[in-house]
Amino acid sequence: MKKPLSPFTLTYTPNISEILYDLGCSVAVSTYQAGKVILLSAINRDKMIQLPRTFDNPMGIALSDTKMAVACRNDLILLKNFPQLSKNYPSKPETYDAFFIPQCKYYTGTLDLHDMNFVNKKLIAVNTLFSCLSEIDEEYSFTPIWEPEFITDLAPEDRCHLNGIALKDGQIEYVTALGDTDTKQGWRENKTAGGVIIHVPDNKIIAKGLSMPHSPRIYNNKLYFLNSAQGELCICNPEDGSVETIAKLGGFARGMAKYSDFLFIGISKLRHTTAVFKDLPIAKTSFAGIVVFYLPYNKVIGQIRYESSVDEIYDIKILPSFRRPGILNTEKEEINLAIVTPNTTYWAVSEPDKK
């Protein structure tokens, strides 16, 4: 009888640990299906490790120089890096070179937040339920700041499944949506061929007929995006809306981040809950993990595959200059012992149970 796989069992091509170690970075992954934010690192050129932490339905991740924001089912958790805490971390002292701990929680309600970014020191999120871009802070559940021109009313109806953000010079330039529809979940009627890319400054659609597009990104002055339901990495020409497919990725592609000349792209197993996907090219090849695409060669050069626990990935972010970052969630007991001030940090001593 075959031995059951351990939770979060993964396999990877040997060059993955070499790439991460030589780049001196780590990868943060959100998987709402498994309820984890996972940090992937290489401790040397031969071995990769992972640190899964439980979050409730995590999706979009945003990073600044010192902060990490994680969009969860009913709230948004803001973490901050205090690397000095790692030195005396009670469980594993002298282990991590960064240490992200929760500092505050925004009670947003269930907004289905997707891509997020820090823009002008404000936290901006794609509010998929209300079909708009929103600022998240302590004032309200959200403050709408932009919506597609075809959306006539902000209502909790997921009218177009707005999902992705592309920044240019630190400002939001493009967004992706699964349709240009203005009715409750109207995008579902043509979900595999109704996707659009919208230019945010003039609120105009620049590309149509896409297959569930996600993760628009501007790299090297080119607009990349993932044609998710076809498992494709594509480039869009904003001038005429033409699309060039530069790679077939083998699964439902969603979540993308660039570091140096490498793209790290999330791959999810294809959902089989409806008949819509059964005839897609990726129906028989989809898997859960990450592919690494090397831009100078224009090809996939390595991959990570999850063999257990993880079926779907939403977001990917690069943690630069951190070979082995640590992270706490609000469920770990140690979060109650971590104390930070403007000048120093402490691990408090827990009191024994009183009887």
Protein backbone atom coordinates (compact mmCIF):
# COMPACT_ATOMS: atom_id res chain seq x y z
CA MET A 1 0.00 0.00 0.00
CA LYS A 2 1.36 3.39 -0.99
CA LYS A 3 2.29 5.61 1.94
CA PRO A 4 0.16 8.80 2.12
CA LEU A 5 1.99 12.00 1.27
CA SER A 6 2.84 14.41 4.05
CA PRO A 7 1.00 17.76 4.02
CA PHE A 8 2.45 20.28 1.56
CA THR A 9 4.71 17.75 -0.13
CA LEU A 10 6.41 19.40 -3.08
CA THR A 11 8.90 18.50 -5.77
CA TYR A 12 11.06 20.85 -7.79
CA THR A 13 13.58 20.86 -10.57
CA PRO A 14 17.14 21.03 -9.17
CA ASN A 15 17.78 24.48 -10.60
CA ILE A 16 15.05 26.10 -8.48
CA SER A 17 17.14 26.08 -5.31
CA GLU A 18 20.12 27.34 -7.32
CA ILE A 19 18.08 30.23 -8.75
CA LEU A 20 16.63 31.33 -5.40
CA TYR A 21 19.94 31.02 -3.58
CA ASP A 22 21.93 32.86 -6.24
CA LEU A 23 19.30 35.62 -6.43
CA GLY A 24 19.32 35.90 -2.63
CA CYS A 25 15.53 36.14 -2.46
CA SER A 26 12.47 34.21 -1.30
CA VAL A 27 8.99 33.77 -2.74
CA ALA A 28 5.69 34.43 -0.95
CA VAL A 29 2.66 32.49 -2.21
CA SER A 30 -0.99 32.74 -1.22
CA THR A 31 -3.28 29.75 -1.55
CA TYR A 32 -6.83 30.50 -0.44
CA GLN A 33 -7.88 26.90 -1.09
CA ALA A 34 -5.35 25.59 1.45
CA GLY A 35 -5.68 28.65 3.70
CA LYS A 36 -1.96 29.42 3.75
CA VAL A 37 0.65 32.02 2.99
CA ILE A 38 3.78 30.04 2.15
CA LEU A 39 7.33 31.40 2.13
CA LEU A 40 9.67 29.45 -0.18
CA SER A 41 13.41 29.80 0.32
CA ALA A 42 16.69 28.06 -0.52
CA ILE A 43 19.06 27.38 2.37
CA ASN A 44 21.77 26.46 -0.12
CA ARG A 45 22.07 25.75 -3.85
CA ASP A 46 20.82 22.19 -3.34
CA LYS A 47 17.90 22.47 -0.93
CA MET A 48 14.70 24.46 -0.86
CA ILE A 49 12.47 24.83 2.22
CA GLN A 50 9.01 26.23 2.87
CA LEU A 51 7.25 27.93 5.77
CA PRO A 52 3.42 27.67 5.59
CA ARG A 53 1.36 29.90 7.85
CA THR A 54 -2.40 29.73 8.26
CA PHE A 55 -4.51 32.68 7.11
CA ASP A 56 -8.25 32.63 6.45
CA ASN A 57 -8.71 32.37 2.68
CA PRO A 58 -5.67 34.50 1.75
CA MET A 59 -5.61 36.01 -1.73
CA GLY A 60 -3.91 39.30 -2.66
CA ILE A 61 -0.53 40.14 -1.14
CA ALA A 62 0.99 43.63 -1.16
CA LEU A 63 4.58 44.50 -0.26
CA SER A 64 6.39 47.71 0.58
CA ASP A 65 9.93 48.09 1.89
CA THR A 66 8.98 46.86 5.35
CA LYS A 67 5.30 45.88 5.19
CA MET A 68 3.25 42.98 3.92
CA ALA A 69 -0.53 43.08 3.57
CA VAL A 70 -2.60 39.91 3.18
CA ALA A 71 -6.23 40.02 2.05
CA CYS A 72 -8.28 37.42 3.92
CA ARG A 73 -11.90 36.29 3.81
CA ASN A 74 -13.41 38.98 6.03
CA ASP A 75 -10.47 41.23 6.83
CA LEU A 76 -7.04 42.40 5.80
CA ILE A 77 -3.99 41.79 7.95
CA LEU A 78 -1.05 44.19 7.85
CA LEU A 79 2.33 42.76 8.88
CA LYS A 80 5.66 44.50 9.35
CA ASN A 81 9.19 43.18 9.13
CA PHE A 82 11.18 43.35 12.38
CA PRO A 83 14.34 41.38 11.53
CA GLN A 84 15.78 41.99 15.00
CA LEU A 85 13.05 39.75 16.42
CA SER A 86 14.50 36.77 14.57
CA LYS A 87 17.67 36.70 16.65
CA ASN A 88 15.89 35.53 19.79
CA TYR A 89 12.78 33.98 18.29
CA PRO A 90 11.81 31.45 20.99
CA SER A 91 11.10 28.55 18.62
CA LYS A 92 14.09 28.98 16.29
CA PRO A 93 16.66 31.57 17.39
CA GLU A 94 19.26 32.78 14.88
CA THR A 95 17.31 31.23 12.01
CA TYR A 96 15.59 33.96 9.98
CA ASP A 97 16.91 37.10 8.29
CA ALA A 98 13.51 38.82 8.23
CA PHE A 99 10.52 38.48 10.50
CA PHE A 100 7.02 39.62 9.53
CA ILE A 101 4.53 39.94 12.38
CA PRO A 102 0.91 41.18 12.33
CA GLN A 103 0.58 44.77 13.47
CA CYS A 104 -3.04 45.55 12.69
CA LYS A 105 -6.18 44.13 11.12
CA TYR A 106 -8.73 45.98 8.98
CA TYR A 107 -12.24 44.58 9.36
CA THR A 108 -13.35 45.03 5.77
CA GLY A 109 -16.16 42.51 5.63
CA THR A 110 -16.30 39.96 2.82
CA LEU A 111 -15.16 41.94 -0.25
CA ASP A 112 -13.34 39.21 -2.22
CA LEU A 113 -10.21 41.36 -2.44
CA HIS A 114 -7.84 40.26 -5.23
CA ASP A 115 -4.64 42.06 -6.35
CA MET A 116 -3.29 44.70 -3.97
CA ASN A 117 -0.49 47.27 -4.03
CA PHE A 118 0.86 50.08 -1.89
CA VAL A 119 0.36 53.22 -4.00
CA ASN A 120 1.55 56.59 -2.65
CA LYS A 121 1.77 54.92 0.78
CA LYS A 122 -1.90 53.95 0.56
CA LEU A 123 -3.13 50.37 0.35
CA ILE A 124 -5.13 49.92 -2.83
CA ALA A 125 -7.02 46.68 -3.50
CA VAL A 126 -9.14 45.28 -6.28
CA ASN A 127 -12.57 45.03 -4.68
CA THR A 128 -13.99 42.24 -6.81
CA LEU A 129 -17.35 42.05 -5.06
CA PHE A 130 -18.07 45.75 -5.68
CA SER A 131 -16.35 45.91 -9.13
CA CYS A 132 -14.01 48.74 -8.19
CA LEU A 133 -10.59 49.74 -6.92
CA SER A 134 -10.67 50.62 -3.24
CA GLU A 135 -8.48 52.21 -0.62
CA ILE A 136 -8.31 50.17 2.58
CA ASP A 137 -7.73 51.95 5.87
CA GLU A 138 -9.17 52.35 9.36
CA GLU A 139 -11.97 54.72 8.31
CA TYR A 140 -14.40 52.44 6.44
CA SER A 141 -14.80 48.91 5.12
CA PHE A 142 -13.45 50.43 1.88
CA THR A 143 -13.34 53.70 0.01
CA PRO A 144 -14.01 53.34 -3.74
CA ILE A 145 -11.55 55.29 -5.89
CA TRP A 146 -12.20 54.00 -9.43
CA GLU A 147 -14.57 51.73 -11.32
CA PRO A 148 -14.80 50.67 -14.98
CA GLU A 149 -16.90 53.01 -17.10
CA PHE A 150 -19.37 50.23 -17.90
CA ILE A 151 -20.21 49.72 -14.20
CA THR A 152 -23.27 51.86 -13.50
CA ASP A 153 -23.67 51.20 -9.79
CA LEU A 154 -21.43 50.00 -6.99
CA ALA A 155 -23.22 46.97 -5.63
CA PRO A 156 -22.04 43.71 -3.98
CA GLU A 157 -22.70 41.73 -7.17
CA ASP A 158 -19.29 40.88 -8.70
CA ARG A 159 -20.50 42.27 -12.02
CA CYS A 160 -17.29 41.92 -14.06
CA HIS A 161 -14.90 40.01 -11.79
CA LEU A 162 -12.31 42.75 -11.66
CA ASN A 163 -9.11 41.09 -10.43
CA GLY A 164 -5.64 42.31 -11.47
CA ILE A 165 -3.49 45.45 -11.23
CA ALA A 166 -0.50 46.60 -13.28
CA LEU A 167 1.59 49.52 -12.00
CA LYS A 168 3.58 51.98 -14.08
CA ASP A 169 5.92 54.40 -12.31
CA GLY A 170 4.22 53.54 -9.05
CA GLN A 171 0.69 54.30 -10.28
CA ILE A 172 -2.11 51.99 -11.39
CA GLU A 173 -2.05 51.81 -15.19
CA TYR A 174 -4.06 48.70 -16.16
CA VAL A 175 -6.55 46.29 -14.65
CA THR A 176 -7.96 42.97 -15.80
CA ALA A 177 -11.53 41.70 -15.57
CA LEU A 178 -13.32 38.56 -16.73
CA GLY A 179 -15.95 40.57 -18.58
CA ASP A 180 -17.26 44.04 -19.39
CA THR A 181 -20.65 43.19 -17.93
CA ASP A 182 -22.87 45.27 -15.65
CA THR A 183 -25.20 42.67 -14.16
CA LYS A 184 -24.82 40.40 -11.15
CA GLN A 185 -22.04 37.93 -12.03
CA GLY A 186 -22.72 38.69 -15.68
CA TRP A 187 -19.17 37.68 -16.59
CA ARG A 188 -20.03 34.01 -16.02
CA GLU A 189 -22.04 33.79 -19.26
CA ASN A 190 -18.84 34.06 -21.33
CA LYS A 191 -16.22 33.30 -18.71
CA THR A 192 -13.59 31.71 -20.99
CA ALA A 193 -13.74 34.29 -23.80
CA GLY A 194 -15.06 37.56 -22.41
CA GLY A 195 -12.02 38.89 -20.53
CA VAL A 196 -10.74 42.44 -20.90
CA ILE A 197 -7.78 44.67 -20.07
CA ILE A 198 -8.64 48.26 -19.15
CA HIS A 199 -6.39 51.33 -19.23
CA VAL A 200 -7.18 52.97 -15.91
CA PRO A 201 -6.19 56.64 -16.56
CA ASP A 202 -8.66 57.07 -19.43
CA ASN A 203 -10.97 54.19 -18.42
CA LYS A 204 -10.93 52.53 -21.84
CA ILE A 205 -10.83 48.85 -22.75
CA ILE A 206 -7.67 48.12 -24.74
CA ALA A 207 -8.07 44.36 -25.26
CA LYS A 208 -11.11 42.06 -25.41
CA GLY A 209 -11.95 38.40 -25.95
CA LEU A 210 -9.42 37.13 -23.41
CA SER A 211 -9.67 33.85 -21.52
CA MET A 212 -10.04 34.75 -17.83
CA PRO A 213 -7.07 37.19 -17.72
CA HIS A 214 -5.21 37.76 -14.45
CA SER A 215 -2.01 39.29 -13.10
CA PRO A 216 -1.25 42.14 -15.53
CA ARG A 217 2.29 43.42 -15.02
CA ILE A 218 4.54 45.93 -16.77
CA TYR A 219 8.03 44.53 -17.20
CA ASN A 220 10.68 46.13 -19.42
CA ASN A 221 8.02 48.54 -20.75
CA LYS A 222 5.88 45.63 -21.96
CA LEU A 223 2.41 44.72 -20.70
CA TYR A 224 2.48 41.07 -19.66
CA PHE A 225 -0.58 39.20 -18.43
CA LEU A 226 -1.75 35.64 -17.82
CA ASN A 227 -4.45 34.30 -20.13
CA SER A 228 -5.38 32.05 -17.27
CA ALA A 229 -7.90 29.59 -18.65
CA GLN A 230 -5.61 28.82 -21.59
CA GLY A 231 -2.55 28.53 -19.37
CA GLU A 232 -0.69 31.20 -21.34
CA LEU A 233 1.85 33.92 -20.64
CA CYS A 234 1.05 36.77 -23.01
CA ILE A 235 2.10 40.28 -24.01
CA CYS A 236 -0.54 42.85 -24.97
CA ASN A 237 0.16 45.78 -27.28
CA PRO A 238 -1.83 48.65 -25.74
CA GLU A 239 -1.82 50.57 -29.03
CA ASP A 240 -3.95 48.10 -30.99
CA GLY A 241 -5.01 45.51 -28.41
CA SER A 242 -3.14 42.71 -30.15
CA VAL A 243 -1.97 39.81 -28.00
CA GLU A 244 1.14 37.66 -28.41
CA THR A 245 1.38 34.34 -26.59
CA ILE A 246 4.97 33.72 -25.55
CA ALA A 247 4.60 30.56 -23.47
CA LYS A 248 2.22 27.69 -22.71
CA LEU A 249 2.42 27.00 -18.98
CA GLY A 250 0.42 23.78 -18.62
CA GLY A 251 -2.13 24.86 -16.02
CA PHE A 252 -4.47 27.62 -14.88
CA ALA A 253 -2.01 30.52 -14.62
CA ARG A 254 -2.52 33.16 -11.93
CA GLY A 255 -0.05 35.16 -9.84
CA MET A 256 3.16 36.54 -11.31
CA ALA A 257 6.24 38.35 -10.01
CA LYS A 258 9.55 39.33 -11.62
CA TYR A 259 13.00 39.35 -10.06
CA SER A 260 16.10 39.97 -12.13
CA ASP A 261 15.41 38.21 -15.47
CA PHE A 262 13.10 35.60 -13.97
CA LEU A 263 9.31 35.47 -13.86
CA PHE A 264 7.75 33.36 -11.11
CA ILE A 265 4.25 32.33 -12.22
CA GLY A 266 1.61 30.54 -10.16
CA ILE A 267 -0.15 27.51 -11.62
CA SER A 268 -3.38 26.02 -10.28
CA LYS A 269 -5.14 22.78 -10.96
CA LEU A 270 -8.09 23.26 -13.26
CA ARG A 271 -11.42 23.31 -11.50
CA HIS A 272 -13.71 20.51 -12.63
CA THR A 273 -16.86 21.69 -10.88
CA THR A 274 -18.44 22.77 -14.19
CA ALA A 275 -18.39 21.48 -17.75
CA VAL A 276 -16.94 24.79 -18.97
CA PHE A 277 -13.32 23.69 -18.49
CA LYS A 278 -13.39 20.08 -19.64
CA ASP A 279 -12.51 20.85 -23.27
CA LEU A 280 -9.74 23.35 -22.53
CA PRO A 281 -6.19 22.39 -23.57
CA ILE A 282 -4.98 22.46 -19.96
CA ALA A 283 -7.73 20.09 -18.71
CA LYS A 284 -5.36 17.11 -18.70
CA THR A 285 -2.08 18.86 -17.81
CA SER A 286 -2.94 21.27 -15.00
CA PHE A 287 -1.09 21.08 -11.68
CA ALA A 288 -0.49 23.23 -8.62
CA GLY A 289 2.81 25.02 -8.20
CA ILE A 290 5.12 27.61 -9.75
CA VAL A 291 6.89 27.78 -13.08
CA VAL A 292 10.01 29.89 -13.56
CA PHE A 293 10.27 31.69 -16.89
CA TYR A 294 13.64 33.10 -18.02
CA LEU A 295 13.12 36.25 -20.07
CA PRO A 296 16.41 36.22 -22.05
CA TYR A 297 15.57 32.72 -23.35
CA ASN A 298 11.80 33.31 -23.53
CA LYS A 299 11.16 29.87 -22.04
CA VAL A 300 10.19 28.01 -18.89
CA ILE A 301 13.35 26.71 -17.22
CA GLY A 302 12.11 25.17 -13.98
CA GLN A 303 9.10 24.41 -11.81
CA ILE A 304 7.80 23.61 -8.36
CA ARG A 305 4.93 21.13 -8.03
CA TYR A 306 2.75 20.53 -4.99
CA GLU A 307 1.88 16.86 -4.64
CA SER A 308 -0.45 17.35 -1.67
CA SER A 309 -2.52 20.00 0.17
CA VAL A 310 -2.25 22.78 -2.44
CA ASP A 311 -4.54 22.81 -5.50
CA GLU A 312 -4.91 26.52 -6.22
CA ILE A 313 -2.57 29.50 -6.01
CA TYR A 314 -3.65 33.12 -6.17
CA ASP A 315 -0.76 35.53 -5.66
CA ILE A 316 3.03 35.47 -5.82
CA LYS A 317 5.39 38.10 -4.47
CA ILE A 318 9.19 38.24 -4.27
CA LEU A 319 10.89 39.06 -0.96
CA PRO A 320 14.17 40.57 -2.18
CA SER A 321 17.39 40.23 -0.19
CA PHE A 322 15.86 37.72 2.23
CA ARG A 323 17.25 34.21 1.97
CA ARG A 324 15.09 32.87 4.81
CA PRO A 325 12.29 35.14 6.04
CA GLY A 326 10.03 34.23 8.93
CA ILE A 327 6.38 35.10 9.42
CA LEU A 328 3.79 34.85 12.20
CA ASN A 329 0.02 34.87 11.88
CA THR A 330 -2.56 35.90 14.43
CA GLU A 331 -3.07 32.26 15.46
CA LYS A 332 0.48 31.55 16.65
CA GLU A 333 0.85 31.98 20.42
CA GLU A 334 4.17 33.76 19.90
CA ILE A 335 2.37 36.78 18.45
CA ASN A 336 1.31 37.66 22.00
CA LEU A 337 4.93 37.61 23.12
CA ALA A 338 6.35 39.83 20.36
CA ILE A 339 6.69 43.43 21.54
CA VAL A 340 8.14 46.20 19.37
CA THR A 341 8.90 49.84 20.10
CA PRO A 342 10.46 52.56 17.93
CA ASN A 343 13.85 51.75 19.44
CA THR A 344 13.94 48.06 20.23
CA THR A 345 12.10 44.73 20.25
CA TYR A 346 11.39 42.12 22.91
CA TRP A 347 10.12 38.60 23.30
CA ALA A 348 8.09 38.69 26.49
CA VAL A 349 8.07 35.72 28.85
CA SER A 350 4.73 33.96 29.01
CA GLU A 351 3.28 33.50 32.47
CA PRO A 352 2.58 29.96 33.71
CA ASP A 353 -1.01 28.83 33.98
CA LYS A 354 -2.54 29.86 37.29
CA LYS A 355 -4.65 27.29 39.06
